[in-house]
Amino acid sequence: MKWLAIVSTVGILVFAITIILPPFVPPSPLYAVLYGWRYPKSWECGTSVVTDFGPREARHRFVVDAGTIDLSTEGISSFSCCEMPEEVSYIALAVSWDERPIHIGGPVGWRNHDKVSDTQVSIRVSDSSGNMVASHFGRLGQDWTWSGPNGHLRNEVWLYGSGTEFHPVAGESYSVEVLVDNPSLDKPIVRLVAAGGGWK
């Protein structure tokens, strides 16, 4: 039947476009048709929620949200992460003060930077055998790099360090301990996250 042939042809064309063209090439309307119905998608494992925002997001396609951290209280917070995509490449602190965009270098970003600059935060990531696979320690204002916002993470600043590079192994689970010392009088919203990219 004619309509069946048309449907089959359209299906073949869509499949060919999906295979041949990288996801960042099609215009937004075509991307929405090809990929929009599949993303974002999320799943839970341990204390974490893993989200795949789709191939067009590139660097921040995969985001693991492990939970919140209180910078105003001294102590240790524990988290568990599993079923993470192998594309994840680092762990970080996602910090926001409200729902408005934060621009590093602008008055809002630097004013908030000063509020927590002396707070010390230590992160330690261990695999299921107890082996440490990532760690970083220092004052937020001097020993952590402030980055952002970008992509779909427009209301957050991400903090990472030289020791926060992290590459999970398929099937492995991880525990994370975050130690806060010299607490901040300010109370930003802080989440422990991991992220990585990939358009395939």
Protein backbone atom coordinates (compact mmCIF):
# COMPACT_ATOMS: atom_id res chain seq x y z
CA MET A 1 0.00 0.00 0.00
CA LYS A 2 1.11 3.53 -0.82
CA TRP A 3 0.87 4.91 2.72
CA LEU A 4 2.87 1.98 4.08
CA ALA A 5 5.63 2.67 1.54
CA ILE A 6 5.68 6.33 2.59
CA VAL A 7 5.95 5.43 6.27
CA SER A 8 8.74 2.98 5.52
CA THR A 9 10.63 5.57 3.48
CA VAL A 10 10.32 8.18 6.21
CA GLY A 11 11.51 5.64 8.79
CA ILE A 12 14.55 4.78 6.67
CA LEU A 13 15.38 8.46 6.20
CA VAL A 14 15.11 9.18 9.94
CA PHE A 15 17.31 6.17 10.73
CA ALA A 16 19.88 7.26 8.13
CA ILE A 17 19.98 10.82 9.47
CA THR A 18 20.38 9.53 13.03
CA ILE A 19 23.30 7.30 11.99
CA ILE A 20 25.07 9.70 9.61
CA LEU A 21 24.66 13.12 11.23
CA PRO A 22 26.22 13.88 14.63
CA PRO A 23 23.51 15.10 17.07
CA PHE A 24 24.90 18.63 17.19
CA VAL A 25 24.46 19.12 13.40
CA PRO A 26 20.64 19.00 12.91
CA PRO A 27 18.70 22.21 13.64
CA SER A 28 16.78 22.24 16.93
CA PRO A 29 13.38 21.24 15.45
CA LEU A 30 14.89 18.21 13.72
CA TYR A 31 16.89 17.30 16.83
CA ALA A 32 13.65 17.43 18.85
CA VAL A 33 12.03 14.97 16.46
CA LEU A 34 15.00 12.58 16.39
CA TYR A 35 16.08 12.72 20.03
CA GLY A 36 13.69 14.87 22.06
CA TRP A 37 11.32 12.05 22.90
CA ARG A 38 14.18 10.06 24.49
CA TYR A 39 15.84 12.74 26.66
CA PRO A 40 16.31 13.64 29.38
CA LYS A 41 16.05 10.30 31.12
CA SER A 42 16.96 9.52 34.72
CA TRP A 43 17.50 6.56 37.02
CA GLU A 44 18.28 6.15 40.71
CA CYS A 45 21.07 4.11 42.31
CA GLY A 46 22.37 4.43 45.86
CA THR A 47 21.78 7.98 47.09
CA SER A 48 22.22 9.29 43.56
CA VAL A 49 20.08 10.24 40.60
CA VAL A 50 21.78 9.83 37.21
CA THR A 51 20.45 11.88 34.30
CA ASP A 52 21.24 11.59 30.60
CA PHE A 53 20.39 14.97 29.06
CA GLY A 54 20.98 13.76 25.51
CA PRO A 55 23.84 13.84 23.00
CA ARG A 56 23.59 17.54 22.18
CA GLU A 57 24.59 18.54 25.72
CA ALA A 58 28.16 17.38 25.05
CA ARG A 59 30.32 18.09 28.15
CA HIS A 60 27.46 17.91 30.65
CA ARG A 61 25.40 15.20 28.98
CA PHE A 62 25.58 12.87 31.99
CA VAL A 63 25.03 14.37 35.44
CA VAL A 64 25.03 12.40 38.69
CA ASP A 65 23.31 14.18 41.60
CA ALA A 66 24.44 12.44 44.79
CA GLY A 67 22.78 14.71 47.35
CA THR A 68 23.10 17.98 49.27
CA ILE A 69 25.87 19.31 51.50
CA ASP A 70 25.45 21.85 54.31
CA LEU A 71 28.39 24.28 54.27
CA SER A 72 27.13 26.00 57.43
CA THR A 73 27.72 22.92 59.60
CA GLU A 74 31.02 21.21 60.41
CA GLY A 75 30.97 17.46 59.85
CA ILE A 76 31.03 14.57 57.39
CA SER A 77 28.38 13.71 54.80
CA SER A 78 28.32 10.29 53.13
CA PHE A 79 26.94 9.38 49.70
CA SER A 80 26.78 6.32 47.45
CA CYS A 81 26.94 6.27 43.65
CA CYS A 82 26.42 3.41 41.20
CA GLU A 83 25.27 2.64 37.65
CA MET A 84 27.19 5.65 36.40
CA PRO A 85 28.01 6.02 32.70
CA GLU A 86 31.69 5.46 31.89
CA GLU A 87 31.68 8.87 30.19
CA VAL A 88 31.62 10.55 33.63
CA SER A 89 34.99 12.27 34.03
CA TYR A 90 34.97 14.36 37.20
CA ILE A 91 33.24 15.02 40.50
CA ALA A 92 32.36 18.51 41.73
CA LEU A 93 30.38 20.75 44.05
CA ALA A 94 27.40 22.45 42.40
CA VAL A 95 26.68 25.71 44.24
CA SER A 96 23.78 28.12 43.86
CA TRP A 97 22.28 30.86 46.00
CA ASP A 98 18.93 31.16 44.28
CA GLU A 99 17.24 30.39 40.98
CA ARG A 100 18.81 33.32 39.13
CA PRO A 101 21.77 32.79 36.79
CA ILE A 102 25.20 33.22 38.42
CA HIS A 103 27.93 34.77 36.31
CA ILE A 104 31.51 34.26 37.48
CA GLY A 105 33.39 37.54 37.09
CA GLY A 106 30.21 39.56 37.56
CA PRO A 107 29.07 41.22 40.81
CA VAL A 108 26.74 38.39 41.84
CA GLY A 109 29.31 35.63 41.33
CA TRP A 110 32.19 37.28 43.13
CA ARG A 111 30.06 38.53 46.01
CA ASN A 112 28.90 34.98 46.66
CA HIS A 113 32.42 33.66 46.17
CA ASP A 114 33.63 35.77 49.12
CA LYS A 115 30.90 34.41 51.40
CA VAL A 116 32.32 30.88 51.37
CA SER A 117 35.98 31.47 50.42
CA ASP A 118 37.40 30.40 53.80
CA THR A 119 35.26 27.27 54.18
CA GLN A 120 37.35 24.10 53.84
CA VAL A 121 35.92 21.10 52.01
CA SER A 122 37.45 17.67 51.57
CA ILE A 123 36.15 15.05 49.12
CA ARG A 124 37.19 11.40 49.12
CA VAL A 125 35.84 8.86 46.61
CA SER A 126 36.40 5.13 47.21
CA ASP A 127 35.39 2.05 45.23
CA SER A 128 33.66 -1.01 46.67
CA SER A 129 37.03 -2.48 47.71
CA GLY A 130 37.92 0.61 49.72
CA ASN A 131 40.49 1.92 47.24
CA MET A 132 40.56 5.73 46.99
CA VAL A 133 40.03 6.78 43.37
CA ALA A 134 39.69 10.56 43.76
CA SER A 135 40.26 13.15 46.48
CA HIS A 136 40.62 16.88 46.93
CA PHE A 137 40.94 19.22 49.91
CA GLY A 138 41.22 22.94 50.46
CA ARG A 139 39.58 26.30 50.99
CA LEU A 140 36.82 26.99 48.51
CA GLY A 141 38.17 30.43 47.65
CA GLN A 142 41.75 29.38 46.97
CA ASP A 143 42.08 25.65 46.37
CA TRP A 144 38.97 24.98 44.28
CA THR A 145 38.37 26.16 40.71
CA TRP A 146 35.08 27.99 40.11
CA SER A 147 33.45 27.32 36.77
CA GLY A 148 30.13 28.00 35.05
CA PRO A 149 27.37 28.40 34.28
CA ASN A 150 26.86 26.69 30.94
CA GLY A 151 24.51 24.41 29.05
CA HIS A 152 21.41 23.40 30.98
CA LEU A 153 23.11 24.21 34.33
CA ARG A 154 22.46 27.94 34.15
CA ASN A 155 21.80 28.70 37.81
CA GLU A 156 24.86 26.98 39.29
CA VAL A 157 28.57 27.47 39.76
CA TRP A 158 30.61 24.26 39.72
CA LEU A 159 33.68 23.84 41.93
CA TYR A 160 36.32 21.24 41.16
CA GLY A 161 40.00 20.64 41.93
CA SER A 162 43.14 18.92 40.72
CA GLY A 163 42.12 15.69 42.47
CA THR A 164 38.49 15.52 41.39
CA GLU A 165 39.07 13.81 38.05
CA PHE A 166 37.06 10.62 38.23
CA HIS A 167 36.37 7.80 35.76
CA PRO A 168 33.86 5.20 37.02
CA VAL A 169 34.17 1.58 35.98
CA ALA A 170 31.10 -0.22 34.61
CA GLY A 171 29.36 -2.26 37.31
CA GLU A 172 31.32 -0.66 40.15
CA SER A 173 29.78 1.23 43.07
CA TYR A 174 31.41 4.10 44.91
CA SER A 175 31.17 5.78 48.30
CA VAL A 176 31.90 9.46 48.76
CA GLU A 177 32.73 11.29 51.98
CA VAL A 178 32.60 15.07 52.16
CA LEU A 179 34.15 16.81 55.17
CA VAL A 180 33.28 20.45 55.91
CA ASP A 181 35.58 22.45 58.19
CA ASN A 182 35.49 26.13 59.16
CA PRO A 183 31.78 26.35 58.20
CA SER A 184 30.34 29.26 56.28
CA LEU A 185 27.92 31.72 57.88
CA ASP A 186 26.22 31.87 54.52
CA LYS A 187 23.99 28.96 53.45
CA PRO A 188 24.16 28.38 49.71
CA ILE A 189 22.52 25.37 48.07
CA VAL A 190 25.31 22.84 47.53
CA ARG A 191 25.03 19.47 45.79
CA LEU A 192 27.62 16.78 45.25
CA VAL A 193 27.65 15.98 41.53
CA ALA A 194 29.63 14.11 38.91
CA ALA A 195 29.47 14.75 35.21
CA GLY A 196 30.79 13.82 31.80
CA GLY A 197 30.03 14.18 28.13
CA GLY A 198 29.49 12.28 24.94
CA TRP A 199 27.34 12.73 21.87
CA LYS A 200 27.17 9.12 20.70
